[in-house]
Structures are given as structure tokens and as C-alpha cells.
């Protein structure tokens, strides 16, 4: 039998807490604001859930957007689609000079996903965004303009799916 000193238990507990830290630590007091499923041409691509500590949802406060994929999608497709969708946003102040940096950041943040994978992006006002795949941090992108444009894909007035946007911010039916 192995006997551990009391300080060893404290150390093990600390390591355990660090290993389990995730996006929830980035948005203290987060509650489910809304949820819904995004479909394209009849195919369910992902289920989205918006977590926020404020109610009603406020874009200028930290929040987390969690996507649970229903299909396999390559990293390259995720990056390209995100770039296209950010360019569609009238609220996005993106300029061509940002494109290479934003694309490189998303290459670090994203991975090929399969059905059941959970990708979570955390909006950190005045700082940028932090990303997690299946609960593990992938990267930080310390660019507030990027973060605003990226999350506007789902939450901006020009969102591809106004119905999903309404469900996420709690102004539609719960999905």
C-alpha cells in the first residue's frame, strides 16, 4: 500500500483541477442562453448552444458558443467557410490585411471534426477568442476585431440563419 503525505493530496487535487479547467472558467456563472440546430440543404451540420452569464445575452460580455458536430468536416473547409461568413458580415471591420493572420489563427484553433465532436469558442471582449475542441484548449487568438467578426457568424444581424440566431440569444423557440 502506498501512503501519501497530506501535501501530496493537495498537489494531486490541484493537478486534477487544472486538467479539468475549460471554457467554463472563462465564463464564470455561465448559463444556457439558447440552443438550436443548423441545417444546410436538409443536412444537420451541428447543434449549437450559447452559454452566457448575462440574461438577456449581451455581445459585449464574455460568452461561449459550443458546436456539437453531426457530420465530419475538414479543418480546411471549416476555415474557408468561416472566412467567407466573416466577409459577409456588414458589422465586421475586417480588412484584407487581416485575412492571413485570421486564417492562420483558425488553422491553429480548428481540426478535422467528426460526428459528436464538440468545438467551443469563447468570446473575451477587448481580448479576443479562446478555442476548445472536446474540452481541450487549442489556441487563443488575441485580436478583438477577429473575435467580434467570428462570433457574428452566428450572433450578428447578418447571421446565415436568423432562426438559429434567435434561438441562441433566447428570442426563439428552444432547440
N, C-alpha and C. Protein backbone atom coordinates (compact mmCIF):
# COMPACT_ATOMS: atom_id res chain seq x y z
N UNK A 1 0.84 -1.18 0.00
CA UNK A 1 0.00 0.00 0.00
C UNK A 1 0.89 1.24 0.00
N UNK A 2 0.53 2.19 -0.86
CA UNK A 2 1.29 3.43 -0.95
C UNK A 2 0.62 4.46 -0.05
N UNK A 3 1.42 5.09 0.80
CA UNK A 3 0.91 6.14 1.67
C UNK A 3 1.40 7.49 1.15
N UNK A 4 0.46 8.40 1.01
CA UNK A 4 0.80 9.75 0.55
C UNK A 4 0.71 10.73 1.70
N UNK A 5 1.64 11.65 1.71
CA UNK A 5 1.60 12.73 2.68
C UNK A 5 0.44 13.65 2.33
N UNK A 6 -0.11 14.35 3.31
CA UNK A 6 -1.25 15.23 3.10
C UNK A 6 -0.98 16.26 1.99
N UNK A 7 0.22 16.79 1.93
CA UNK A 7 0.55 17.78 0.89
C UNK A 7 0.48 17.15 -0.50
N UNK A 8 0.72 15.84 -0.60
CA UNK A 8 0.61 15.16 -1.89
C UNK A 8 -0.84 15.14 -2.37
N UNK A 9 -1.78 14.97 -1.44
CA UNK A 9 -3.19 15.01 -1.81
C UNK A 9 -3.57 16.37 -2.35
N UNK A 10 -3.09 17.42 -1.71
CA UNK A 10 -3.38 18.78 -2.15
C UNK A 10 -2.81 19.00 -3.55
N UNK A 11 -1.58 18.53 -3.79
CA UNK A 11 -0.95 18.66 -5.09
C UNK A 11 -1.75 17.89 -6.15
N UNK A 12 -2.16 16.67 -5.86
CA UNK A 12 -2.94 15.88 -6.80
C UNK A 12 -4.29 16.54 -7.10
N UNK A 13 -4.92 17.09 -6.09
CA UNK A 13 -6.18 17.79 -6.29
C UNK A 13 -5.98 19.00 -7.20
N UNK A 14 -4.91 19.74 -6.98
CA UNK A 14 -4.61 20.90 -7.82
C UNK A 14 -4.36 20.52 -9.26
N UNK A 15 -3.61 19.46 -9.48
CA UNK A 15 -3.36 18.98 -10.84
C UNK A 15 -4.66 18.54 -11.49
N UNK A 16 -5.50 17.85 -10.73
CA UNK A 16 -6.80 17.41 -11.24
C UNK A 16 -7.65 18.59 -11.68
N UNK A 17 -7.69 19.64 -10.88
CA UNK A 17 -8.49 20.82 -11.22
C UNK A 17 -7.94 21.51 -12.46
N UNK A 18 -6.63 21.59 -12.59
CA UNK A 18 -6.03 22.21 -13.77
C UNK A 18 -6.37 21.40 -15.01
N UNK A 19 -6.31 20.10 -14.92
CA UNK A 19 -6.60 19.25 -16.07
C UNK A 19 -8.06 19.37 -16.49
N UNK A 20 -8.96 19.66 -15.56
CA UNK A 20 -10.38 19.75 -15.89
C UNK A 20 -10.81 21.18 -16.20
N UNK A 21 -9.90 22.14 -16.08
CA UNK A 21 -10.26 23.52 -16.40
C UNK A 21 -10.62 23.59 -17.87
N UNK A 22 -11.60 24.39 -18.18
CA UNK A 22 -12.02 24.52 -19.57
C UNK A 22 -12.70 25.85 -19.78
N UNK A 23 -13.53 25.89 -20.80
CA UNK A 23 -14.18 27.14 -21.15
C UNK A 23 -15.04 27.67 -20.01
N UNK A 24 -15.54 26.81 -19.13
CA UNK A 24 -16.37 27.26 -18.02
C UNK A 24 -15.63 28.23 -17.12
N UNK A 25 -14.32 28.09 -17.02
CA UNK A 25 -13.52 29.02 -16.22
C UNK A 25 -13.42 30.39 -16.90
N UNK A 26 -13.60 30.42 -18.21
CA UNK A 26 -13.53 31.67 -18.96
C UNK A 26 -14.81 32.48 -18.87
N UNK A 27 -15.92 31.81 -18.54
CA UNK A 27 -17.23 32.47 -18.47
C UNK A 27 -17.88 32.08 -17.14
N UNK A 28 -17.38 32.64 -16.03
CA UNK A 28 -17.92 32.28 -14.71
C UNK A 28 -19.42 32.54 -14.64
N UNK A 29 -20.14 31.61 -14.06
CA UNK A 29 -21.59 31.75 -13.89
C UNK A 29 -22.38 31.54 -15.16
N UNK A 30 -21.75 30.94 -16.18
CA UNK A 30 -22.44 30.75 -17.46
C UNK A 30 -23.66 29.85 -17.31
N UNK A 31 -24.73 30.29 -17.97
CA UNK A 31 -25.97 29.51 -18.04
C UNK A 31 -26.35 29.41 -19.51
N UNK A 32 -27.12 28.40 -19.84
CA UNK A 32 -27.56 28.22 -21.22
C UNK A 32 -28.49 29.36 -21.60
N UNK A 33 -28.09 30.15 -22.60
CA UNK A 33 -28.92 31.26 -23.09
C UNK A 33 -29.89 30.77 -24.15
N UNK A 34 -29.44 29.83 -24.98
CA UNK A 34 -30.28 29.30 -26.04
C UNK A 34 -29.54 28.24 -26.82
N UNK A 35 -30.30 27.53 -27.66
CA UNK A 35 -29.71 26.46 -28.45
C UNK A 35 -30.55 26.20 -29.68
N UNK A 36 -29.93 25.58 -30.67
CA UNK A 36 -30.63 25.23 -31.89
C UNK A 36 -29.73 24.43 -32.80
N UNK A 37 -30.29 23.91 -33.87
CA UNK A 37 -29.55 23.09 -34.82
C UNK A 37 -29.44 23.82 -36.15
N UNK A 38 -28.24 23.79 -36.72
CA UNK A 38 -28.02 24.40 -38.03
C UNK A 38 -28.04 23.31 -39.08
N UNK A 39 -28.90 23.49 -40.07
CA UNK A 39 -29.01 22.55 -41.19
C UNK A 39 -28.72 23.30 -42.48
N UNK A 40 -28.15 22.60 -43.44
CA UNK A 40 -27.85 23.16 -44.75
C UNK A 40 -28.31 22.16 -45.80
N UNK A 41 -29.24 22.58 -46.63
CA UNK A 41 -29.83 21.72 -47.66
C UNK A 41 -30.34 20.40 -47.07
N UNK A 42 -30.97 20.50 -45.90
CA UNK A 42 -31.58 19.34 -45.27
C UNK A 42 -30.65 18.49 -44.43
N UNK A 43 -29.36 18.80 -44.40
CA UNK A 43 -28.41 18.04 -43.61
C UNK A 43 -28.13 18.78 -42.31
N UNK A 44 -28.33 18.12 -41.17
CA UNK A 44 -27.97 18.72 -39.88
C UNK A 44 -26.45 18.73 -39.78
N UNK A 45 -25.88 19.93 -39.68
CA UNK A 45 -24.42 20.05 -39.59
C UNK A 45 -23.93 20.07 -38.15
N UNK A 46 -24.63 20.83 -37.29
CA UNK A 46 -24.23 20.89 -35.88
C UNK A 46 -25.37 21.39 -35.03
N UNK A 47 -25.27 21.09 -33.74
CA UNK A 47 -26.17 21.62 -32.73
C UNK A 47 -25.37 22.69 -31.98
N UNK A 48 -25.94 23.87 -31.85
CA UNK A 48 -25.24 25.00 -31.22
C UNK A 48 -25.89 25.33 -29.88
N UNK A 49 -25.04 25.67 -28.91
CA UNK A 49 -25.52 26.14 -27.61
C UNK A 49 -24.72 27.37 -27.22
N UNK A 50 -25.44 28.39 -26.79
CA UNK A 50 -24.81 29.63 -26.34
C UNK A 50 -24.88 29.69 -24.82
N UNK A 51 -23.71 29.89 -24.19
CA UNK A 51 -23.59 29.98 -22.74
C UNK A 51 -23.19 31.40 -22.38
N UNK A 52 -23.91 32.00 -21.45
CA UNK A 52 -23.63 33.37 -21.05
C UNK A 52 -23.97 33.56 -19.57
N UNK A 53 -23.25 34.46 -18.92
CA UNK A 53 -23.54 34.77 -17.52
C UNK A 53 -24.58 35.88 -17.43
N UNK A 54 -24.88 36.53 -18.56
CA UNK A 54 -25.85 37.61 -18.56
C UNK A 54 -27.14 37.18 -19.25
N UNK A 55 -28.23 37.68 -18.74
CA UNK A 55 -29.54 37.42 -19.34
C UNK A 55 -30.33 38.72 -19.31
N UNK A 56 -30.72 39.25 -20.44
CA UNK A 56 -30.52 38.67 -21.77
C UNK A 56 -29.06 38.73 -22.21
N UNK A 57 -28.78 37.93 -23.23
CA UNK A 57 -27.44 37.84 -23.79
C UNK A 57 -26.95 39.23 -24.21
N UNK A 58 -25.66 39.50 -23.94
CA UNK A 58 -25.01 40.75 -24.35
C UNK A 58 -23.73 40.42 -25.11
N UNK A 59 -23.57 41.01 -26.30
CA UNK A 59 -22.39 40.73 -27.12
C UNK A 59 -21.13 41.29 -26.51
N UNK A 60 -21.23 42.23 -25.61
CA UNK A 60 -20.04 42.86 -25.03
C UNK A 60 -19.60 42.23 -23.72
N UNK A 61 -20.12 41.08 -23.39
CA UNK A 61 -19.75 40.33 -22.18
C UNK A 61 -19.19 38.97 -22.61
N UNK A 62 -18.35 38.34 -21.80
CA UNK A 62 -17.84 37.01 -22.17
C UNK A 62 -18.98 36.01 -22.36
N UNK A 63 -18.82 35.15 -23.35
CA UNK A 63 -19.78 34.06 -23.59
C UNK A 63 -19.05 32.93 -24.29
N UNK A 64 -19.70 31.78 -24.33
CA UNK A 64 -19.15 30.63 -25.04
C UNK A 64 -20.19 30.11 -26.03
N UNK A 65 -19.74 29.78 -27.21
CA UNK A 65 -20.58 29.17 -28.23
C UNK A 65 -20.05 27.77 -28.48
N UNK A 66 -20.89 26.78 -28.19
CA UNK A 66 -20.49 25.38 -28.30
C UNK A 66 -21.21 24.75 -29.49
N UNK A 67 -20.44 24.16 -30.39
CA UNK A 67 -20.99 23.47 -31.55
C UNK A 67 -20.69 21.98 -31.41
N UNK A 68 -21.74 21.16 -31.46
CA UNK A 68 -21.57 19.71 -31.45
C UNK A 68 -21.87 19.24 -32.85
N UNK A 69 -20.85 18.76 -33.53
CA UNK A 69 -20.98 18.40 -34.94
C UNK A 69 -21.77 17.12 -35.13
N UNK A 70 -22.55 17.11 -36.19
CA UNK A 70 -23.36 15.94 -36.58
C UNK A 70 -22.78 15.25 -37.81
N UNK A 71 -21.74 15.85 -38.41
CA UNK A 71 -21.11 15.33 -39.62
C UNK A 71 -19.60 15.57 -39.53
N UNK A 72 -18.87 14.84 -40.36
CA UNK A 72 -17.43 15.07 -40.46
C UNK A 72 -17.18 16.25 -41.41
N UNK A 73 -16.29 17.15 -40.97
CA UNK A 73 -15.94 18.32 -41.77
C UNK A 73 -14.44 18.56 -41.60
N UNK A 74 -13.75 18.82 -42.69
CA UNK A 74 -12.31 19.03 -42.63
C UNK A 74 -11.97 20.41 -42.05
N UNK A 75 -10.81 20.49 -41.47
CA UNK A 75 -10.31 21.76 -40.94
C UNK A 75 -10.30 22.82 -42.04
N UNK A 76 -9.82 22.45 -43.21
CA UNK A 76 -9.73 23.42 -44.31
C UNK A 76 -11.11 23.97 -44.67
N UNK A 77 -12.10 23.11 -44.69
CA UNK A 77 -13.46 23.57 -45.01
C UNK A 77 -13.99 24.49 -43.91
N UNK A 78 -13.71 24.15 -42.65
CA UNK A 78 -14.15 25.00 -41.54
C UNK A 78 -13.51 26.39 -41.64
N UNK A 79 -12.21 26.43 -41.93
CA UNK A 79 -11.51 27.70 -42.04
C UNK A 79 -12.06 28.51 -43.22
N UNK A 80 -12.17 27.88 -44.39
CA UNK A 80 -12.65 28.60 -45.57
C UNK A 80 -14.07 29.12 -45.40
N UNK A 81 -14.94 28.29 -44.84
CA UNK A 81 -16.32 28.70 -44.62
C UNK A 81 -16.38 29.85 -43.61
N UNK A 82 -15.58 29.76 -42.55
CA UNK A 82 -15.55 30.84 -41.55
C UNK A 82 -15.08 32.14 -42.18
N UNK A 83 -14.04 32.08 -43.00
CA UNK A 83 -13.55 33.29 -43.67
C UNK A 83 -14.64 33.88 -44.57
N UNK A 84 -15.32 33.03 -45.34
CA UNK A 84 -16.40 33.51 -46.21
C UNK A 84 -17.53 34.15 -45.40
N UNK A 85 -17.90 33.50 -44.30
CA UNK A 85 -19.01 34.01 -43.48
C UNK A 85 -18.62 35.31 -42.78
N UNK A 86 -17.38 35.44 -42.35
CA UNK A 86 -16.94 36.69 -41.72
C UNK A 86 -16.98 37.83 -42.75
N UNK A 87 -16.63 37.53 -43.99
CA UNK A 87 -16.66 38.55 -45.04
C UNK A 87 -18.08 39.02 -45.33
N UNK A 88 -19.07 38.16 -45.10
CA UNK A 88 -20.48 38.51 -45.32
C UNK A 88 -21.02 39.49 -44.29
N UNK A 89 -20.40 39.56 -43.13
CA UNK A 89 -20.94 40.35 -42.02
C UNK A 89 -20.73 41.84 -42.26
N UNK A 90 -21.82 42.60 -42.33
CA UNK A 90 -21.69 44.04 -42.52
C UNK A 90 -21.09 44.70 -41.28
N UNK A 91 -21.24 44.07 -40.11
CA UNK A 91 -20.68 44.64 -38.88
C UNK A 91 -19.19 44.36 -38.73
N UNK A 92 -18.65 43.51 -39.59
CA UNK A 92 -17.25 43.11 -39.49
C UNK A 92 -16.35 44.18 -40.07
N UNK A 93 -15.37 44.59 -39.29
CA UNK A 93 -14.44 45.62 -39.74
C UNK A 93 -13.19 45.01 -40.36
N UNK A 94 -13.33 43.77 -40.81
CA UNK A 94 -12.18 43.07 -41.39
C UNK A 94 -11.68 43.77 -42.64
N UNK A 95 -10.39 43.77 -42.79
CA UNK A 95 -9.75 44.31 -43.98
C UNK A 95 -8.89 43.20 -44.57
N UNK A 96 -8.56 43.33 -45.81
CA UNK A 96 -7.72 42.32 -46.47
C UNK A 96 -6.43 42.08 -45.69
N UNK A 97 -5.92 43.09 -45.02
CA UNK A 97 -4.67 42.94 -44.27
C UNK A 97 -4.81 41.96 -43.10
N UNK A 98 -6.04 41.73 -42.61
CA UNK A 98 -6.28 40.80 -41.51
C UNK A 98 -6.38 39.36 -41.97
N UNK A 99 -6.68 39.15 -43.24
CA UNK A 99 -7.05 37.82 -43.73
C UNK A 99 -6.01 36.74 -43.43
N UNK A 100 -4.76 36.98 -43.71
CA UNK A 100 -3.73 35.95 -43.50
C UNK A 100 -3.58 35.61 -42.02
N UNK A 101 -3.59 36.62 -41.15
CA UNK A 101 -3.46 36.37 -39.71
C UNK A 101 -4.67 35.60 -39.19
N UNK A 102 -5.86 35.99 -39.62
CA UNK A 102 -7.08 35.33 -39.15
C UNK A 102 -7.13 33.89 -39.63
N UNK A 103 -6.75 33.67 -40.87
CA UNK A 103 -6.73 32.31 -41.43
C UNK A 103 -5.75 31.44 -40.65
N UNK A 104 -4.56 31.97 -40.35
CA UNK A 104 -3.55 31.22 -39.59
C UNK A 104 -4.05 30.91 -38.19
N UNK A 105 -4.72 31.87 -37.55
CA UNK A 105 -5.27 31.63 -36.22
C UNK A 105 -6.31 30.52 -36.22
N UNK A 106 -7.17 30.52 -37.22
CA UNK A 106 -8.19 29.48 -37.30
C UNK A 106 -7.58 28.12 -37.63
N UNK A 107 -6.50 28.11 -38.40
CA UNK A 107 -5.81 26.84 -38.66
C UNK A 107 -5.30 26.23 -37.35
N UNK A 108 -4.85 27.08 -36.42
CA UNK A 108 -4.40 26.58 -35.11
C UNK A 108 -5.59 26.15 -34.24
N UNK A 109 -6.68 26.88 -34.35
CA UNK A 109 -7.84 26.63 -33.48
C UNK A 109 -8.64 25.42 -33.90
N UNK A 110 -8.77 25.20 -35.20
CA UNK A 110 -9.65 24.17 -35.72
C UNK A 110 -8.90 22.87 -35.98
N UNK A 111 -9.66 21.81 -36.14
CA UNK A 111 -9.15 20.50 -36.54
C UNK A 111 -10.23 19.84 -37.37
N UNK A 112 -9.89 18.76 -38.04
CA UNK A 112 -10.93 17.98 -38.70
C UNK A 112 -11.88 17.51 -37.61
N UNK A 113 -13.18 17.60 -37.85
CA UNK A 113 -14.15 17.17 -36.85
C UNK A 113 -14.98 16.01 -37.40
N UNK A 114 -15.47 15.20 -36.48
CA UNK A 114 -16.34 14.07 -36.79
C UNK A 114 -17.62 14.22 -36.01
N UNK A 115 -18.61 13.46 -36.36
CA UNK A 115 -19.88 13.48 -35.65
C UNK A 115 -19.64 13.25 -34.16
N UNK A 116 -20.19 14.13 -33.34
CA UNK A 116 -20.03 14.04 -31.89
C UNK A 116 -18.96 14.93 -31.32
N UNK A 117 -18.05 15.44 -32.16
CA UNK A 117 -17.01 16.35 -31.66
C UNK A 117 -17.64 17.67 -31.22
N UNK A 118 -17.11 18.21 -30.12
CA UNK A 118 -17.57 19.49 -29.56
C UNK A 118 -16.50 20.54 -29.73
N UNK A 119 -16.85 21.61 -30.42
CA UNK A 119 -15.95 22.73 -30.62
C UNK A 119 -16.55 23.93 -29.90
N UNK A 120 -15.78 24.53 -29.00
CA UNK A 120 -16.28 25.66 -28.22
C UNK A 120 -15.38 26.87 -28.41
N UNK A 121 -16.02 27.98 -28.77
CA UNK A 121 -15.31 29.25 -28.88
C UNK A 121 -15.77 30.16 -27.76
N UNK A 122 -14.82 30.81 -27.12
CA UNK A 122 -15.14 31.74 -26.03
C UNK A 122 -14.82 33.15 -26.49
N UNK A 123 -15.80 34.04 -26.37
CA UNK A 123 -15.63 35.44 -26.71
C UNK A 123 -15.16 36.17 -25.47
N UNK A 124 -14.00 36.82 -25.58
CA UNK A 124 -13.42 37.57 -24.48
C UNK A 124 -13.29 39.03 -24.92
N UNK A 125 -14.25 39.87 -24.55
CA UNK A 125 -14.24 41.26 -25.02
C UNK A 125 -12.90 41.95 -24.72
N UNK A 126 -12.49 42.76 -25.64
CA UNK A 126 -11.26 43.54 -25.53
C UNK A 126 -10.00 42.68 -25.53
N UNK A 127 -10.16 41.35 -25.63
CA UNK A 127 -9.00 40.46 -25.68
C UNK A 127 -8.98 39.66 -26.97
N UNK A 128 -10.07 38.96 -27.27
CA UNK A 128 -10.12 38.12 -28.46
C UNK A 128 -10.97 36.90 -28.22
N UNK A 129 -10.44 35.75 -28.60
CA UNK A 129 -11.19 34.50 -28.51
C UNK A 129 -10.28 33.36 -28.06
N UNK A 130 -10.88 32.40 -27.41
CA UNK A 130 -10.17 31.19 -26.97
C UNK A 130 -10.98 30.01 -27.48
N UNK A 131 -10.30 28.97 -27.94
CA UNK A 131 -10.99 27.84 -28.55
C UNK A 131 -10.64 26.51 -27.88
N UNK A 132 -11.65 25.64 -27.83
CA UNK A 132 -11.52 24.31 -27.23
C UNK A 132 -12.12 23.28 -28.18
N UNK A 133 -11.48 22.14 -28.31
CA UNK A 133 -12.02 21.01 -29.05
C UNK A 133 -12.15 19.84 -28.09
N UNK A 134 -13.37 19.39 -27.92
CA UNK A 134 -13.66 18.28 -26.99
C UNK A 134 -13.09 18.56 -25.59
N UNK A 135 -13.22 19.82 -25.16
CA UNK A 135 -12.81 20.20 -23.82
C UNK A 135 -11.35 20.58 -23.66
N UNK A 136 -10.54 20.41 -24.70
CA UNK A 136 -9.12 20.74 -24.62
C UNK A 136 -8.84 22.03 -25.39
N UNK A 137 -8.14 22.94 -24.74
CA UNK A 137 -7.81 24.21 -25.38
C UNK A 137 -6.93 23.98 -26.60
N UNK A 138 -7.30 24.64 -27.70
CA UNK A 138 -6.48 24.56 -28.91
C UNK A 138 -5.62 25.81 -29.06
N UNK A 139 -6.20 27.00 -28.87
CA UNK A 139 -5.42 28.23 -29.02
C UNK A 139 -6.20 29.44 -28.54
N UNK A 140 -5.48 30.53 -28.37
CA UNK A 140 -6.05 31.86 -28.16
C UNK A 140 -5.76 32.67 -29.41
N UNK A 141 -6.70 33.50 -29.81
CA UNK A 141 -6.47 34.47 -30.86
C UNK A 141 -6.70 35.83 -30.22
N UNK A 142 -5.62 36.51 -29.93
CA UNK A 142 -5.68 37.79 -29.21
C UNK A 142 -5.90 38.94 -30.17
N UNK A 143 -7.11 39.01 -30.70
CA UNK A 143 -7.48 40.04 -31.66
C UNK A 143 -8.98 40.30 -31.50
N UNK A 144 -9.35 41.39 -30.81
CA UNK A 144 -10.78 41.66 -30.57
C UNK A 144 -11.59 41.81 -31.86
N UNK A 145 -11.00 42.37 -32.92
CA UNK A 145 -11.74 42.51 -34.18
C UNK A 145 -12.04 41.15 -34.78
N UNK A 146 -11.07 40.24 -34.72
CA UNK A 146 -11.31 38.87 -35.19
C UNK A 146 -12.46 38.24 -34.40
N UNK A 147 -12.39 38.32 -33.08
CA UNK A 147 -13.39 37.68 -32.23
C UNK A 147 -14.79 38.20 -32.56
N UNK A 148 -14.92 39.50 -32.69
CA UNK A 148 -16.23 40.09 -32.99
C UNK A 148 -16.76 39.58 -34.33
N UNK A 149 -15.90 39.56 -35.33
CA UNK A 149 -16.31 39.08 -36.66
C UNK A 149 -16.62 37.59 -36.65
N UNK A 150 -15.81 36.82 -35.96
CA UNK A 150 -16.02 35.37 -35.93
C UNK A 150 -17.36 35.03 -35.30
N UNK A 151 -17.64 35.57 -34.13
CA UNK A 151 -18.89 35.22 -33.45
C UNK A 151 -20.11 35.86 -34.11
N UNK A 152 -19.90 36.89 -34.91
CA UNK A 152 -21.01 37.49 -35.66
C UNK A 152 -21.56 36.50 -36.70
N UNK A 153 -20.76 35.49 -37.06
CA UNK A 153 -21.25 34.45 -37.98
C UNK A 153 -22.58 33.89 -37.45
N UNK A 154 -22.69 33.69 -36.15
CA UNK A 154 -23.89 33.12 -35.54
C UNK A 154 -24.76 34.17 -34.87
N UNK A 155 -24.13 35.21 -34.33
CA UNK A 155 -24.85 36.13 -33.46
C UNK A 155 -25.05 37.53 -34.03
N UNK A 156 -24.46 37.81 -35.19
CA UNK A 156 -24.58 39.12 -35.81
C UNK A 156 -25.91 39.28 -36.54
N UNK A 157 -26.23 40.51 -36.88
CA UNK A 157 -27.50 40.78 -37.57
C UNK A 157 -27.54 40.16 -38.96
N UNK A 158 -26.38 39.84 -39.54
CA UNK A 158 -26.32 39.21 -40.86
C UNK A 158 -26.04 37.71 -40.77
N UNK A 159 -26.36 37.08 -39.66
CA UNK A 159 -26.12 35.65 -39.49
C UNK A 159 -26.78 34.88 -40.63
N UNK A 160 -26.14 33.84 -41.10
CA UNK A 160 -26.66 33.00 -42.18
C UNK A 160 -28.05 32.46 -41.84
N UNK A 161 -28.25 32.11 -40.56
CA UNK A 161 -29.54 31.58 -40.12
C UNK A 161 -30.13 32.50 -39.04
N UNK A 162 -31.01 33.41 -39.44
CA UNK A 162 -31.64 34.29 -38.43
C UNK A 162 -32.43 33.49 -37.39
N UNK A 163 -32.98 32.33 -37.80
CA UNK A 163 -33.73 31.50 -36.86
C UNK A 163 -32.82 30.94 -35.78
N UNK A 164 -31.65 30.44 -36.19
CA UNK A 164 -30.69 29.92 -35.20
C UNK A 164 -30.21 31.05 -34.30
N UNK A 165 -29.93 32.20 -34.86
CA UNK A 165 -29.51 33.35 -34.05
C UNK A 165 -30.55 33.65 -32.97
N UNK A 166 -31.82 33.70 -33.37
CA UNK A 166 -32.89 33.99 -32.42
C UNK A 166 -32.96 32.93 -31.33
N UNK A 167 -32.81 31.66 -31.71
CA UNK A 167 -32.83 30.59 -30.72
C UNK A 167 -31.65 30.70 -29.75
N UNK A 168 -30.47 31.03 -30.27
CA UNK A 168 -29.28 31.13 -29.43
C UNK A 168 -29.39 32.26 -28.42
N UNK A 169 -29.87 33.40 -28.85
CA UNK A 169 -29.93 34.54 -27.92
C UNK A 169 -31.20 34.53 -27.08
N UNK A 170 -31.98 33.45 -27.20
CA UNK A 170 -33.14 33.28 -26.34
C UNK A 170 -34.38 34.01 -26.81
N UNK A 171 -34.44 34.38 -28.10
CA UNK A 171 -35.62 35.08 -28.61
C UNK A 171 -36.42 34.20 -29.57
N UNK A 172 -36.07 32.92 -29.63
CA UNK A 172 -36.78 31.98 -30.49
C UNK A 172 -37.17 30.78 -29.65
N UNK A 173 -37.68 29.78 -30.32
CA UNK A 173 -38.02 28.56 -29.58
C UNK A 173 -36.74 27.84 -29.20
N UNK A 174 -36.73 27.16 -28.06
CA UNK A 174 -35.55 26.39 -27.62
C UNK A 174 -35.43 25.16 -28.51
N UNK A 175 -34.16 24.84 -28.92
CA UNK A 175 -33.96 23.71 -29.82
C UNK A 175 -33.51 22.56 -29.14
